């Protein structure tokens, strides 16, 4: 009887041990962080007024009146930071956006991030030098020069992308052959310490509300983009003095100004 009991105990322990090993071996490793949707809204204004193409009339820091016909700019290389310092960088292939005032759908940069609470946002105004030189197969969507660049944001193989385009009319601009007083600012340029208009912009979200990214909801970081700041900052820009700037050293001063156009208004969670 004792022998049978001993054997039964041994068999039971063996079975439990086998079951334990099997359970350990069958454990599925934890899944990676699930990505959830988040959007960044670029709401273009001029001072305290909504930007209205063609019809709005505004006054810059030099005291000149102007109207805007075209406003377009590239946003890229987006990353978000949590309070603990953790940074999530959006994969580059999903991190290029062309904001066009003429197309309301483009005012939202829609990305995906791990769930969590984010306290700051960083992005680039422009297109980084690495992407400029990549093969066409890696420059698709808004960056595809072969697509015709109907938005006119590409100069060509040698000079690359236009980061920021602002065009309009002003009584302070000279009369062109068609009898129209136009101003044109096409700002780009990269790859040189003395001529690099790529700007990295970091915005603290605490005052206006942190972004709470979670499943089933799409947090929206609402940014105001004040075009009046393009005309003032490190340099007060006069349309009369500078009615057209493209590949010119003065574009550096304009780029320094446009880096200050962005502020966080609020977050919709």
C-alpha atoms as a PDB file:
ATOM      1  CA  UNK A   1       0.000   0.000   0.000  1.00  0.00           C
ATOM      2  CA  UNK A   2       2.827   2.361   0.940  1.00  0.00           C
ATOM      3  CA  UNK A   3       4.581   1.556  -2.354  1.00  0.00           C
ATOM      4  CA  UNK A   4       1.458   2.405  -4.342  1.00  0.00           C
ATOM      5  CA  UNK A   5       1.068   5.715  -2.476  1.00  0.00           C
ATOM      6  CA  UNK A   6       4.706   6.631  -3.165  1.00  0.00           C
ATOM      7  CA  UNK A   7       4.324   5.821  -6.842  1.00  0.00           C
ATOM      8  CA  UNK A   8       1.108   7.858  -7.071  1.00  0.00           C
ATOM      9  CA  UNK A   9       2.780  10.839  -5.411  1.00  0.00           C
ATOM     10  CA  UNK A  10       5.719  10.631  -7.820  1.00  0.00           C
ATOM     11  CA  UNK A  11       3.372  10.418 -10.832  1.00  0.00           C
ATOM     12  CA  UNK A  12       1.388  13.418  -9.610  1.00  0.00           C
ATOM     13  CA  UNK A  13       4.522  15.528  -9.128  1.00  0.00           C
ATOM     14  CA  UNK A  14       5.767  14.528 -12.588  1.00  0.00           C
ATOM     15  CA  UNK A  15       2.489  15.553 -14.182  1.00  0.00           C
ATOM     16  CA  UNK A  16       2.456  18.901 -12.344  1.00  0.00           C
ATOM     17  CA  UNK A  17       6.051  19.547 -13.354  1.00  0.00           C
ATOM     18  CA  UNK A  18       5.285  18.741 -16.996  1.00  0.00           C
ATOM     19  CA  UNK A  19       2.187  20.942 -16.932  1.00  0.00           C
ATOM     20  CA  UNK A  20       4.207  23.782 -15.402  1.00  0.00           C
ATOM     21  CA  UNK A  21       6.916  23.498 -18.072  1.00  0.00           C
ATOM     22  CA  UNK A  22       4.330  23.356 -20.822  1.00  0.00           C
ATOM     23  CA  UNK A  23       2.612  26.464 -19.441  1.00  0.00           C
ATOM     24  CA  UNK A  24       5.908  28.376 -19.319  1.00  0.00           C
ATOM     25  CA  UNK A  25       6.841  27.333 -22.835  1.00  0.00           C
ATOM     26  CA  UNK A  26       3.429  28.331 -24.196  1.00  0.00           C
ATOM     27  CA  UNK A  27       3.490  31.841 -22.696  1.00  0.00           C
ATOM     28  CA  UNK A  28       2.949  34.445 -25.439  1.00  0.00           C
ATOM     29  CA  UNK A  29       5.276  37.418 -25.130  1.00  0.00           C
ATOM     30  CA  UNK A  30       3.488  40.723 -24.471  1.00  0.00           C
ATOM     31  CA  UNK A  31       2.387  42.546 -27.591  1.00  0.00           C
ATOM     32  CA  UNK A  32       4.131  45.763 -28.545  1.00  0.00           C
ATOM     33  CA  UNK A  33       2.441  49.072 -27.783  1.00  0.00           C
ATOM     34  CA  UNK A  34      -0.706  49.473 -29.817  1.00  0.00           C
ATOM     35  CA  UNK A  35      -0.744  52.607 -31.937  1.00  0.00           C
ATOM     36  CA  UNK A  36      -3.731  54.921 -31.715  1.00  0.00           C
ATOM     37  CA  UNK A  37      -4.713  57.912 -33.881  1.00  0.00           C
ATOM     38  CA  UNK A  38      -3.685  61.484 -33.079  1.00  0.00           C
ATOM     39  CA  UNK A  39      -3.987  64.622 -35.194  1.00  0.00           C
ATOM     40  CA  UNK A  40      -2.220  67.971 -35.268  1.00  0.00           C
ATOM     41  CA  UNK A  41      -4.268  70.857 -36.607  1.00  0.00           C
ATOM     42  CA  UNK A  42      -2.590  73.835 -38.293  1.00  0.00           C
ATOM     43  CA  UNK A  43      -5.057  76.727 -38.080  1.00  0.00           C
ATOM     44  CA  UNK A  44      -3.756  79.660 -40.130  1.00  0.00           C
ATOM     45  CA  UNK A  45      -4.525  83.162 -38.854  1.00  0.00           C
ATOM     46  CA  UNK A  46      -3.202  86.715 -39.222  1.00  0.00           C
ATOM     47  CA  UNK A  47      -2.964  88.377 -35.832  1.00  0.00           C
ATOM     48  CA  UNK A  48      -6.402  87.985 -34.295  1.00  0.00           C
ATOM     49  CA  UNK A  49      -8.177  87.295 -37.591  1.00  0.00           C
ATOM     50  CA  UNK A  50      -8.862  84.109 -39.523  1.00  0.00           C
ATOM     51  CA  UNK A  51      -6.857  83.920 -42.721  1.00  0.00           C
ATOM     52  CA  UNK A  52      -9.126  84.310 -45.749  1.00  0.00           C
ATOM     53  CA  UNK A  53      -7.526  83.791 -49.132  1.00  0.00           C
ATOM     54  CA  UNK A  54      -8.014  86.522 -51.743  1.00  0.00           C
ATOM     55  CA  UNK A  55     -10.565  88.523 -49.750  1.00  0.00           C
ATOM     56  CA  UNK A  56      -8.990  89.244 -46.358  1.00  0.00           C
ATOM     57  CA  UNK A  57      -7.047  92.486 -45.847  1.00  0.00           C
ATOM     58  CA  UNK A  58      -4.305  92.609 -43.225  1.00  0.00           C
ATOM     59  CA  UNK A  59      -1.603  94.955 -41.976  1.00  0.00           C
ATOM     60  CA  UNK A  60       1.983  93.863 -41.288  1.00  0.00           C
ATOM     61  CA  UNK A  61       4.503  95.189 -38.750  1.00  0.00           C
ATOM     62  CA  UNK A  62       5.891  97.615 -41.344  1.00  0.00           C
ATOM     63  CA  UNK A  63       2.442  99.206 -41.637  1.00  0.00           C
ATOM     64  CA  UNK A  64       1.758  97.771 -45.096  1.00  0.00           C
ATOM     65  CA  UNK A  65      -1.607  96.349 -46.114  1.00  0.00           C
ATOM     66  CA  UNK A  66      -1.689  92.994 -47.876  1.00  0.00           C
ATOM     67  CA  UNK A  67      -3.922  90.126 -48.967  1.00  0.00           C
ATOM     68  CA  UNK A  68      -2.910  86.467 -49.251  1.00  0.00           C
ATOM     69  CA  UNK A  69      -3.569  84.381 -52.366  1.00  0.00           C
ATOM     70  CA  UNK A  70      -1.407  81.327 -51.613  1.00  0.00           C
ATOM     71  CA  UNK A  71      -0.128  79.860 -48.342  1.00  0.00           C
ATOM     72  CA  UNK A  72       1.561  76.438 -48.314  1.00  0.00           C
ATOM     73  CA  UNK A  73       4.236  74.832 -46.147  1.00  0.00           C
ATOM     74  CA  UNK A  74       5.756  71.436 -45.398  1.00  0.00           C
ATOM     75  CA  UNK A  75       5.582  69.860 -41.936  1.00  0.00           C
ATOM     76  CA  UNK A  76       7.778  66.809 -41.285  1.00  0.00           C
ATOM     77  CA  UNK A  77       9.746  64.749 -38.738  1.00  0.00           C
ATOM     78  CA  UNK A  78       7.079  64.801 -36.034  1.00  0.00           C
ATOM     79  CA  UNK A  79       7.788  63.536 -32.517  1.00  0.00           C
ATOM     80  CA  UNK A  80       5.974  63.717 -29.175  1.00  0.00           C
ATOM     81  CA  UNK A  81       7.319  63.587 -25.622  1.00  0.00           C
ATOM     82  CA  UNK A  82       5.729  62.283 -22.423  1.00  0.00           C
ATOM     83  CA  UNK A  83       6.207  63.801 -18.962  1.00  0.00           C
ATOM     84  CA  UNK A  84       8.741  61.083 -18.088  1.00  0.00           C
ATOM     85  CA  UNK A  85      10.927  62.152 -21.011  1.00  0.00           C
ATOM     86  CA  UNK A  86       9.968  59.261 -23.292  1.00  0.00           C
ATOM     87  CA  UNK A  87       9.939  60.386 -26.927  1.00  0.00           C
ATOM     88  CA  UNK A  88       8.018  58.728 -29.737  1.00  0.00           C
ATOM     89  CA  UNK A  89       9.134  59.663 -33.246  1.00  0.00           C
ATOM     90  CA  UNK A  90       6.692  59.113 -36.080  1.00  0.00           C
ATOM     91  CA  UNK A  91       8.278  56.839 -38.730  1.00  0.00           C
ATOM     92  CA  UNK A  92       9.676  59.112 -41.422  1.00  0.00           C
ATOM     93  CA  UNK A  93       7.686  57.596 -44.258  1.00  0.00           C
ATOM     94  CA  UNK A  94       4.515  58.623 -42.400  1.00  0.00           C
ATOM     95  CA  UNK A  95       5.771  62.025 -41.311  1.00  0.00           C
ATOM     96  CA  UNK A  96       5.544  64.403 -44.288  1.00  0.00           C
ATOM     97  CA  UNK A  97       2.593  66.742 -44.719  1.00  0.00           C
ATOM     98  CA  UNK A  98       1.872  69.660 -47.030  1.00  0.00           C
ATOM     99  CA  UNK A  99      -0.410  72.204 -45.379  1.00  0.00           C
ATOM    100  CA  UNK A 100      -2.374  74.171 -47.995  1.00  0.00           C
ATOM    101  CA  UNK A 101      -4.720  76.933 -46.911  1.00  0.00           C
ATOM    102  CA  UNK A 102      -6.745  76.386 -50.088  1.00  0.00           C
ATOM    103  CA  UNK A 103      -7.542  72.794 -49.044  1.00  0.00           C
ATOM    104  CA  UNK A 104      -9.105  72.507 -45.553  1.00  0.00           C
ATOM    105  CA  UNK A 105      -8.487  68.744 -45.468  1.00  0.00           C
ATOM    106  CA  UNK A 106      -4.726  69.316 -45.376  1.00  0.00           C
ATOM    107  CA  UNK A 107      -4.795  71.366 -42.177  1.00  0.00           C
ATOM    108  CA  UNK A 108      -4.709  68.115 -40.167  1.00  0.00           C
ATOM    109  CA  UNK A 109      -1.528  66.054 -39.886  1.00  0.00           C
ATOM    110  CA  UNK A 110      -2.849  62.629 -38.897  1.00  0.00           C
ATOM    111  CA  UNK A 111      -0.403  60.225 -37.247  1.00  0.00           C
ATOM    112  CA  UNK A 112      -0.418  57.177 -34.964  1.00  0.00           C
ATOM    113  CA  UNK A 113       1.300  57.002 -31.579  1.00  0.00           C
ATOM    114  CA  UNK A 114       1.446  54.641 -28.587  1.00  0.00           C
ATOM    115  CA  UNK A 115      -1.214  55.241 -25.943  1.00  0.00           C
ATOM    116  CA  UNK A 116      -0.176  57.759 -23.323  1.00  0.00           C
ATOM    117  CA  UNK A 117      -0.143  61.390 -22.264  1.00  0.00           C
ATOM    118  CA  UNK A 118       2.084  63.716 -24.267  1.00  0.00           C
ATOM    119  CA  UNK A 119       3.343  67.039 -22.937  1.00  0.00           C
ATOM    120  CA  UNK A 120       5.303  68.430 -25.888  1.00  0.00           C
ATOM    121  CA  UNK A 121       5.365  68.299 -29.670  1.00  0.00           C
ATOM    122  CA  UNK A 122       8.317  68.723 -32.033  1.00  0.00           C
ATOM    123  CA  UNK A 123       8.260  69.006 -35.811  1.00  0.00           C
ATOM    124  CA  UNK A 124      10.243  70.432 -38.706  1.00  0.00           C
ATOM    125  CA  UNK A 125       9.027  73.195 -40.984  1.00  0.00           C
ATOM    126  CA  UNK A 126      10.561  72.068 -44.257  1.00  0.00           C
ATOM    127  CA  UNK A 127      11.974  68.874 -45.723  1.00  0.00           C
ATOM    128  CA  UNK A 128      15.132  67.423 -44.197  1.00  0.00           C
ATOM    129  CA  UNK A 129      18.303  67.232 -46.271  1.00  0.00           C
ATOM    130  CA  UNK A 130      18.406  63.421 -46.164  1.00  0.00           C
ATOM    131  CA  UNK A 131      15.006  63.108 -47.820  1.00  0.00           C
ATOM    132  CA  UNK A 132      16.021  65.656 -50.473  1.00  0.00           C
ATOM    133  CA  UNK A 133      18.727  63.313 -51.706  1.00  0.00           C
ATOM    134  CA  UNK A 134      16.851  60.005 -51.492  1.00  0.00           C
ATOM    135  CA  UNK A 135      15.858  58.009 -54.526  1.00  0.00           C
ATOM    136  CA  UNK A 136      12.464  58.874 -56.010  1.00  0.00           C
ATOM    137  CA  UNK A 137      11.135  55.524 -54.817  1.00  0.00           C
ATOM    138  CA  UNK A 138      11.423  56.885 -51.271  1.00  0.00           C
ATOM    139  CA  UNK A 139       9.826  60.247 -52.061  1.00  0.00           C
ATOM    140  CA  UNK A 140       6.160  59.550 -52.587  1.00  0.00           C
ATOM    141  CA  UNK A 141       2.916  61.318 -51.786  1.00  0.00           C
ATOM    142  CA  UNK A 142       3.359  65.043 -51.164  1.00  0.00           C
ATOM    143  CA  UNK A 143       7.109  64.700 -51.820  1.00  0.00           C
ATOM    144  CA  UNK A 144       6.883  63.067 -55.238  1.00  0.00           C
ATOM    145  CA  UNK A 145       8.488  65.389 -57.851  1.00  0.00           C
ATOM    146  CA  UNK A 146       7.472  62.952 -60.598  1.00  0.00           C
ATOM    147  CA  UNK A 147       3.858  63.573 -59.643  1.00  0.00           C
ATOM    148  CA  UNK A 148       4.093  66.983 -61.225  1.00  0.00           C
ATOM    149  CA  UNK A 149       4.188  68.893 -57.936  1.00  0.00           C
ATOM    150  CA  UNK A 150       1.041  70.704 -58.973  1.00  0.00           C
ATOM    151  CA  UNK A 151       1.319  72.722 -55.795  1.00  0.00           C
ATOM    152  CA  UNK A 152       4.571  74.201 -57.074  1.00  0.00           C
ATOM    153  CA  UNK A 153       6.623  73.218 -54.037  1.00  0.00           C
ATOM    154  CA  UNK A 154       9.645  71.822 -55.863  1.00  0.00           C
ATOM    155  CA  UNK A 155      12.344  73.891 -57.561  1.00  0.00           C
ATOM    156  CA  UNK A 156      14.131  71.015 -59.274  1.00  0.00           C
ATOM    157  CA  UNK A 157      16.884  68.476 -58.749  1.00  0.00           C
ATOM    158  CA  UNK A 158      19.547  70.990 -57.755  1.00  0.00           C
ATOM    159  CA  UNK A 159      17.645  73.176 -55.271  1.00  0.00           C
ATOM    160  CA  UNK A 160      15.021  70.758 -53.934  1.00  0.00           C
ATOM    161  CA  UNK A 161      11.791  71.606 -52.154  1.00  0.00           C
ATOM    162  CA  UNK A 162      10.185  74.921 -51.304  1.00  0.00           C
ATOM    163  CA  UNK A 163       9.509  74.728 -47.568  1.00  0.00           C
ATOM    164  CA  UNK A 164       7.224  77.739 -47.251  1.00  0.00           C
ATOM    165  CA  UNK A 165       5.301  79.644 -49.911  1.00  0.00           C
ATOM    166  CA  UNK A 166       3.431  82.891 -49.327  1.00  0.00           C
ATOM    167  CA  UNK A 167       2.017  84.914 -52.209  1.00  0.00           C
ATOM    168  CA  UNK A 168      -0.414  87.788 -52.359  1.00  0.00           C
ATOM    169  CA  UNK A 169      -1.038  91.384 -53.304  1.00  0.00           C
ATOM    170  CA  UNK A 170      -0.212  94.662 -51.596  1.00  0.00           C
ATOM    171  CA  UNK A 171      -0.399  98.368 -52.470  1.00  0.00           C
ATOM    172  CA  UNK A 172       3.237  98.464 -51.332  1.00  0.00           C
ATOM    173  CA  UNK A 173       4.418  95.982 -53.986  1.00  0.00           C
ATOM    174  CA  UNK A 174       5.576  97.202 -57.423  1.00  0.00           C
ATOM    175  CA  UNK A 175       3.263  96.869 -60.407  1.00  0.00           C
ATOM    176  CA  UNK A 176       3.999  93.806 -62.547  1.00  0.00           C
ATOM    177  CA  UNK A 177       3.541  93.640 -66.377  1.00  0.00           C
ATOM    178  CA  UNK A 178      -0.087  92.612 -65.844  1.00  0.00           C
ATOM    179  CA  UNK A 179      -0.714  95.707 -63.741  1.00  0.00           C
ATOM    180  CA  UNK A 180      -0.984  93.762 -60.454  1.00  0.00           C
ATOM    181  CA  UNK A 181       0.946  94.569 -57.279  1.00  0.00           C
ATOM    182  CA  UNK A 182       2.140  91.132 -56.220  1.00  0.00           C
ATOM    183  CA  UNK A 183       4.550  89.823 -53.601  1.00  0.00           C
ATOM    184  CA  UNK A 184       6.065  86.328 -53.670  1.00  0.00           C
ATOM    185  CA  UNK A 185       8.039  84.531 -50.962  1.00  0.00           C
ATOM    186  CA  UNK A 186       9.302  81.023 -51.780  1.00  0.00           C
ATOM    187  CA  UNK A 187      11.567  79.907 -48.936  1.00  0.00           C
ATOM    188  CA  UNK A 188      13.759  76.801 -49.101  1.00  0.00           C
ATOM    189  CA  UNK A 189      17.425  75.912 -49.049  1.00  0.00           C
ATOM    190  CA  UNK A 190      19.343  73.303 -47.055  1.00  0.00           C
ATOM    191  CA  UNK A 191      22.684  71.596 -46.661  1.00  0.00           C
ATOM    192  CA  UNK A 192      24.851  74.631 -45.970  1.00  0.00           C
ATOM    193  CA  UNK A 193      25.648  76.144 -42.547  1.00  0.00           C
ATOM    194  CA  UNK A 194      25.259  79.610 -44.043  1.00  0.00           C
ATOM    195  CA  UNK A 195      22.081  78.835 -46.011  1.00  0.00           C
ATOM    196  CA  UNK A 196      19.810  76.382 -44.203  1.00  0.00           C
ATOM    197  CA  UNK A 197      16.155  77.316 -43.798  1.00  0.00           C
ATOM    198  CA  UNK A 198      14.994  74.046 -42.226  1.00  0.00           C
ATOM    199  CA  UNK A 199      13.520  74.916 -38.821  1.00  0.00           C
ATOM    200  CA  UNK A 200      12.867  72.558 -35.906  1.00  0.00           C
ATOM    201  CA  UNK A 201      10.021  73.752 -33.699  1.00  0.00           C
ATOM    202  CA  UNK A 202       9.150  72.457 -30.214  1.00  0.00           C
ATOM    203  CA  UNK A 203       5.861  73.363 -28.550  1.00  0.00           C
ATOM    204  CA  UNK A 204       4.985  72.785 -24.890  1.00  0.00           C
ATOM    205  CA  UNK A 205       1.453  71.417 -24.497  1.00  0.00           C
ATOM    206  CA  UNK A 206       1.001  71.796 -20.740  1.00  0.00           C
ATOM    207  CA  UNK A 207      -0.634  75.233 -20.668  1.00  0.00           C
ATOM    208  CA  UNK A 208      -3.179  74.477 -23.399  1.00  0.00           C
ATOM    209  CA  UNK A 209      -3.776  70.874 -22.383  1.00  0.00           C
ATOM    210  CA  UNK A 210      -1.669  67.763 -22.857  1.00  0.00           C
ATOM    211  CA  UNK A 211      -2.589  65.226 -25.531  1.00  0.00           C
ATOM    212  CA  UNK A 212      -4.139  62.027 -24.145  1.00  0.00           C
ATOM    213  CA  UNK A 213      -3.759  59.383 -26.826  1.00  0.00           C
ATOM    214  CA  UNK A 214      -5.979  56.380 -26.221  1.00  0.00           C
ATOM    215  CA  UNK A 215      -7.895  53.704 -28.043  1.00  0.00           C
ATOM    216  CA  UNK A 216     -11.300  54.686 -29.364  1.00  0.00           C
ATOM    217  CA  UNK A 217     -10.582  58.429 -29.309  1.00  0.00           C
ATOM    218  CA  UNK A 218      -8.526  60.735 -31.537  1.00  0.00           C
ATOM    219  CA  UNK A 219      -6.769  63.500 -29.639  1.00  0.00           C
ATOM    220  CA  UNK A 220      -6.314  66.690 -31.669  1.00  0.00           C
ATOM    221  CA  UNK A 221      -3.536  69.177 -30.908  1.00  0.00           C
ATOM    222  CA  UNK A 222      -4.850  72.520 -32.163  1.00  0.00           C
ATOM    223  CA  UNK A 223      -2.081  74.895 -33.231  1.00  0.00           C
ATOM    224  CA  UNK A 224      -2.549  78.490 -34.338  1.00  0.00           C
ATOM    225  CA  UNK A 225      -0.215  79.568 -37.149  1.00  0.00           C
ATOM    226  CA  UNK A 226       0.062  83.355 -37.129  1.00  0.00           C
ATOM    227  CA  UNK A 227       1.198  84.608 -40.535  1.00  0.00           C
ATOM    228  CA  UNK A 228       1.688  88.132 -39.165  1.00  0.00           C
ATOM    229  CA  UNK A 229       4.759  86.804 -37.347  1.00  0.00           C
ATOM    230  CA  UNK A 230       6.337  86.020 -40.710  1.00  0.00           C
ATOM    231  CA  UNK A 231       6.711  89.775 -41.169  1.00  0.00           C
ATOM    232  CA  UNK A 232       8.223  90.467 -37.759  1.00  0.00           C
ATOM    233  CA  UNK A 233      10.517  88.843 -35.201  1.00  0.00           C
ATOM    234  CA  UNK A 234      14.261  88.884 -35.715  1.00  0.00           C
ATOM    235  CA  UNK A 235      13.586  91.055 -38.774  1.00  0.00           C
ATOM    236  CA  UNK A 236      10.751  93.406 -39.732  1.00  0.00           C
ATOM    237  CA  UNK A 237      10.001  92.535 -43.345  1.00  0.00           C
ATOM    238  CA  UNK A 238       8.818  95.250 -45.702  1.00  0.00           C
ATOM    239  CA  UNK A 239       6.890  94.224 -48.803  1.00  0.00           C
ATOM    240  CA  UNK A 240       7.942  97.446 -50.508  1.00  0.00           C
ATOM    241  CA  UNK A 241      11.608  96.694 -49.922  1.00  0.00           C
ATOM    242  CA  UNK A 242      11.381  92.936 -50.476  1.00  0.00           C
ATOM    243  CA  UNK A 243       8.437  92.163 -52.810  1.00  0.00           C
ATOM    244  CA  UNK A 244       9.974  88.897 -54.044  1.00  0.00           C
ATOM    245  CA  UNK A 245      12.393  86.569 -52.250  1.00  0.00           C
ATOM    246  CA  UNK A 246      13.348  83.103 -53.435  1.00  0.00           C
ATOM    247  CA  UNK A 247      16.947  81.910 -53.627  1.00  0.00           C
ATOM    248  CA  UNK A 248      18.380  84.859 -51.761  1.00  0.00           C
ATOM    249  CA  UNK A 249      20.314  85.267 -48.513  1.00  0.00           C
ATOM    250  CA  UNK A 250      17.502  87.400 -47.130  1.00  0.00           C
ATOM    251  CA  UNK A 251      15.361  84.255 -46.984  1.00  0.00           C
ATOM    252  CA  UNK A 252      17.361  83.274 -43.888  1.00  0.00           C
ATOM    253  CA  UNK A 253      15.824  86.196 -41.981  1.00  0.00           C
ATOM    254  CA  UNK A 254      12.372  85.191 -43.201  1.00  0.00           C
ATOM    255  CA  UNK A 255      12.916  81.614 -42.042  1.00  0.00           C
ATOM    256  CA  UNK A 256      14.004  82.867 -38.627  1.00  0.00           C
ATOM    257  CA  UNK A 257      10.704  84.738 -38.449  1.00  0.00           C
ATOM    258  CA  UNK A 258       8.466  81.882 -39.578  1.00  0.00           C
ATOM    259  CA  UNK A 259       9.841  79.608 -36.878  1.00  0.00           C
ATOM    260  CA  UNK A 260       7.872  81.729 -34.366  1.00  0.00           C
ATOM    261  CA  UNK A 261       4.486  81.496 -36.134  1.00  0.00           C
ATOM    262  CA  UNK A 262       3.279  78.434 -34.204  1.00  0.00           C
ATOM    263  CA  UNK A 263       1.573  78.389 -30.808  1.00  0.00           C
ATOM    264  CA  UNK A 264      -0.573  75.819 -29.012  1.00  0.00           C
ATOM    265  CA  UNK A 265      -4.163  76.947 -28.493  1.00  0.00           C
ATOM    266  CA  UNK A 266      -5.786  73.871 -26.964  1.00  0.00           C
ATOM    267  CA  UNK A 267      -6.067  70.083 -27.195  1.00  0.00           C
ATOM    268  CA  UNK A 268      -9.262  68.157 -27.875  1.00  0.00           C
ATOM    269  CA  UNK A 269      -9.084  64.784 -26.130  1.00  0.00           C
END
